[in-house]
Amino acid sequence: MLAFFISSSLLSTKKTSRNHRQVLANGGVAALAALAGSRIAFAGALAAAAADTWASEIGRHSRALPRLITNGKPVPAGTDGGMTLLGTTAGIAGAGLIAALSYVLGQRGAQAIAIAGFLGMIVDSLLGATVQGKVRWMDNDAVNLAATLTGAACAALIA
């Protein structure tokens, strides 16, 4: 968990304070998985959170315009659901870091964790492009929660 929070804080270019909804959205599923004793779901949730955060923070430095995940059309930087090759590669690296650390700490299933993190990032982008801001309660925190839940569930199902 420290690896996610430290790396995300270092990558963040915004000087904002986190509120309780953001912390719950990014760490709540992992915390519940840990309390339930599911290390694989814990790592999958964190891999999804890391992938999304790394993709957003590093992807914003891409020289290429992001493309909307749903139709591939170029969109302005910062558009929900917009993806760049740089950001996607960074997201994969973020999920990979969590998977590698999990493996080093004795958790088998590193491939499942990395795949789950990637899938969580994709779900985040799909929801961002389709429902975020269009459905009243579907804000960025709800999308992040869905992404970490996807990461946890996928890791548990794949492993």
Protein backbone atom coordinates (compact mmCIF):
# COMPACT_ATOMS: atom_id res chain seq x y z
CA MET A 1 0.00 0.00 0.00
CA LEU A 2 2.91 2.30 0.77
CA ALA A 3 4.30 1.81 -2.74
CA PHE A 4 1.03 3.02 -4.25
CA PHE A 5 0.63 6.05 -2.01
CA ILE A 6 4.27 7.12 -2.20
CA SER A 7 4.59 6.68 -5.97
CA SER A 8 1.25 8.38 -6.60
CA SER A 9 2.18 11.31 -4.39
CA LEU A 10 5.52 11.71 -6.14
CA LEU A 11 3.88 11.62 -9.58
CA SER A 12 1.09 14.03 -8.72
CA THR A 13 1.58 17.48 -10.18
CA LYS A 14 -1.45 18.93 -8.45
CA LYS A 15 -0.98 20.33 -4.99
CA THR A 16 -4.30 19.22 -3.58
CA SER A 17 -5.25 17.64 -0.33
CA ARG A 18 -7.03 14.33 -0.45
CA ASN A 19 -10.48 14.09 1.07
CA HIS A 20 -12.07 11.03 2.62
CA ARG A 21 -13.98 10.11 -0.57
CA GLN A 22 -10.78 10.02 -2.64
CA VAL A 23 -9.00 7.91 -0.04
CA LEU A 24 -11.92 5.48 0.16
CA ALA A 25 -12.27 5.31 -3.62
CA ASN A 26 -8.60 4.45 -4.13
CA GLY A 27 -7.85 2.47 -0.97
CA GLY A 28 -11.17 1.29 0.45
CA VAL A 29 -11.52 -1.86 -1.64
CA ALA A 30 -7.91 -2.82 -0.88
CA ALA A 31 -8.50 -2.26 2.84
CA LEU A 32 -11.64 -4.42 2.81
CA ALA A 33 -9.82 -7.15 0.87
CA ALA A 34 -7.00 -7.09 3.43
CA LEU A 35 -9.49 -7.32 6.30
CA ALA A 36 -11.14 -10.27 4.54
CA GLY A 37 -7.74 -11.94 4.22
CA SER A 38 -7.56 -11.86 0.43
CA ARG A 39 -4.05 -10.77 -0.43
CA ILE A 40 -4.63 -11.27 -4.14
CA ALA A 41 -7.73 -9.02 -4.17
CA PHE A 42 -5.83 -6.49 -2.04
CA ALA A 43 -2.99 -6.38 -4.56
CA GLY A 44 -5.40 -6.31 -7.53
CA ALA A 45 -7.21 -3.26 -6.13
CA LEU A 46 -3.92 -1.45 -5.52
CA ALA A 47 -2.64 -2.40 -8.98
CA ALA A 48 -5.75 -0.84 -10.54
CA ALA A 49 -5.38 2.32 -8.45
CA ALA A 50 -1.68 2.58 -9.33
CA ALA A 51 -2.32 1.94 -13.02
CA ASP A 52 -4.99 4.65 -13.19
CA THR A 53 -2.93 7.17 -11.23
CA TRP A 54 0.28 6.57 -13.17
CA ALA A 55 -1.60 6.68 -16.48
CA SER A 56 -3.19 10.02 -15.59
CA GLU A 57 -0.15 11.68 -14.07
CA ILE A 58 2.40 10.55 -16.65
CA GLY A 59 0.00 10.57 -19.60
CA ARG A 60 -0.62 14.30 -19.16
CA HIS A 61 2.97 14.84 -20.40
CA SER A 62 2.29 13.16 -23.75
CA ARG A 63 2.93 15.26 -26.82
CA ALA A 64 0.21 13.37 -28.67
CA LEU A 65 -3.43 14.23 -28.10
CA PRO A 66 -5.33 11.63 -26.10
CA ARG A 67 -7.84 9.50 -27.95
CA LEU A 68 -11.23 8.62 -26.52
CA ILE A 69 -11.31 4.96 -25.54
CA THR A 70 -14.79 4.47 -27.01
CA ASN A 71 -14.24 5.72 -30.56
CA GLY A 72 -10.53 6.58 -30.95
CA LYS A 73 -11.19 10.23 -31.79
CA PRO A 74 -8.67 12.83 -30.55
CA VAL A 75 -9.85 14.75 -27.48
CA PRO A 76 -8.33 17.59 -25.43
CA ALA A 77 -5.88 16.61 -22.70
CA GLY A 78 -7.69 15.94 -19.43
CA THR A 79 -10.85 14.59 -21.08
CA ASP A 80 -12.37 11.72 -19.08
CA GLY A 81 -11.83 8.51 -21.04
CA GLY A 82 -8.97 9.96 -23.10
CA MET A 83 -5.91 7.72 -23.38
CA THR A 84 -2.39 8.15 -24.73
CA LEU A 85 0.28 5.58 -25.48
CA LEU A 86 2.52 7.21 -22.88
CA GLY A 87 -0.21 7.12 -20.22
CA THR A 88 -1.23 3.56 -21.02
CA THR A 89 2.37 2.40 -20.86
CA ALA A 90 2.78 4.19 -17.53
CA GLY A 91 -0.39 2.54 -16.25
CA ILE A 92 0.93 -0.87 -17.19
CA ALA A 93 4.17 -0.02 -15.35
CA GLY A 94 2.22 1.06 -12.25
CA ALA A 95 0.26 -2.20 -12.20
CA GLY A 96 3.50 -4.07 -12.84
CA LEU A 97 5.20 -2.40 -9.89
CA ILE A 98 2.44 -3.52 -7.51
CA ALA A 99 2.52 -7.03 -9.00
CA ALA A 100 6.30 -7.24 -8.68
CA LEU A 101 6.29 -6.00 -5.09
CA SER A 102 3.55 -8.48 -4.25
CA TYR A 103 5.63 -11.27 -5.71
CA VAL A 104 8.74 -10.18 -3.79
CA LEU A 105 6.66 -10.15 -0.60
CA GLY A 106 5.55 -13.74 -1.18
CA GLN A 107 2.26 -13.33 -3.03
CA ARG A 108 2.02 -15.62 -6.01
CA GLY A 109 -0.11 -14.61 -8.95
CA ALA A 110 1.87 -11.58 -10.09
CA GLN A 111 0.56 -11.97 -13.64
CA ALA A 112 -3.03 -12.00 -12.39
CA ILE A 113 -2.35 -8.86 -10.33
CA ALA A 114 -0.78 -7.03 -13.27
CA ILE A 115 -3.62 -8.02 -15.63
CA ALA A 116 -6.19 -7.02 -13.02
CA GLY A 117 -4.54 -3.62 -12.61
CA PHE A 118 -4.60 -3.08 -16.37
CA LEU A 119 -8.27 -4.10 -16.58
CA GLY A 120 -9.14 -1.76 -13.71
CA MET A 121 -7.46 1.09 -15.60
CA ILE A 122 -9.45 0.23 -18.75
CA VAL A 123 -12.73 0.15 -16.79
CA ASP A 124 -11.84 3.55 -15.32
CA SER A 125 -11.37 4.98 -18.82
CA LEU A 126 -14.53 3.36 -20.19
CA LEU A 127 -16.64 4.69 -17.32
CA GLY A 128 -14.96 8.07 -17.62
CA ALA A 129 -15.86 8.26 -21.30
CA THR A 130 -19.42 7.00 -20.97
CA VAL A 131 -21.01 7.84 -17.62
CA GLN A 132 -18.74 10.07 -15.55
CA GLY A 133 -20.36 13.47 -15.30
CA LYS A 134 -23.44 12.25 -17.18
CA VAL A 135 -24.94 10.27 -14.32
CA ARG A 136 -25.43 12.43 -11.22
CA TRP A 137 -23.64 10.19 -8.72
CA MET A 138 -20.97 8.93 -11.12
CA ASP A 139 -18.13 11.31 -10.34
CA ASN A 140 -14.39 10.63 -10.43
CA ASP A 141 -14.46 9.01 -6.99
CA ALA A 142 -17.22 6.59 -8.03
CA VAL A 143 -15.28 5.72 -11.19
CA ASN A 144 -12.11 5.12 -9.15
CA LEU A 145 -14.05 2.92 -6.75
CA ALA A 146 -15.40 0.86 -9.67
CA ALA A 147 -11.88 0.55 -11.09
CA THR A 148 -10.36 -0.71 -7.83
CA LEU A 149 -13.28 -3.10 -7.34
CA THR A 150 -12.66 -4.39 -10.86
CA GLY A 151 -8.97 -4.86 -10.07
CA ALA A 152 -9.74 -6.78 -6.89
CA ALA A 153 -12.38 -8.98 -8.50
CA CYS A 154 -10.29 -9.73 -11.59
CA ALA A 155 -7.21 -10.65 -9.55
CA ALA A 156 -9.27 -13.01 -7.38
CA LEU A 157 -10.96 -14.59 -10.41
CA ILE A 158 -7.83 -14.93 -12.56
CA ALA A 159 -5.50 -16.28 -9.83
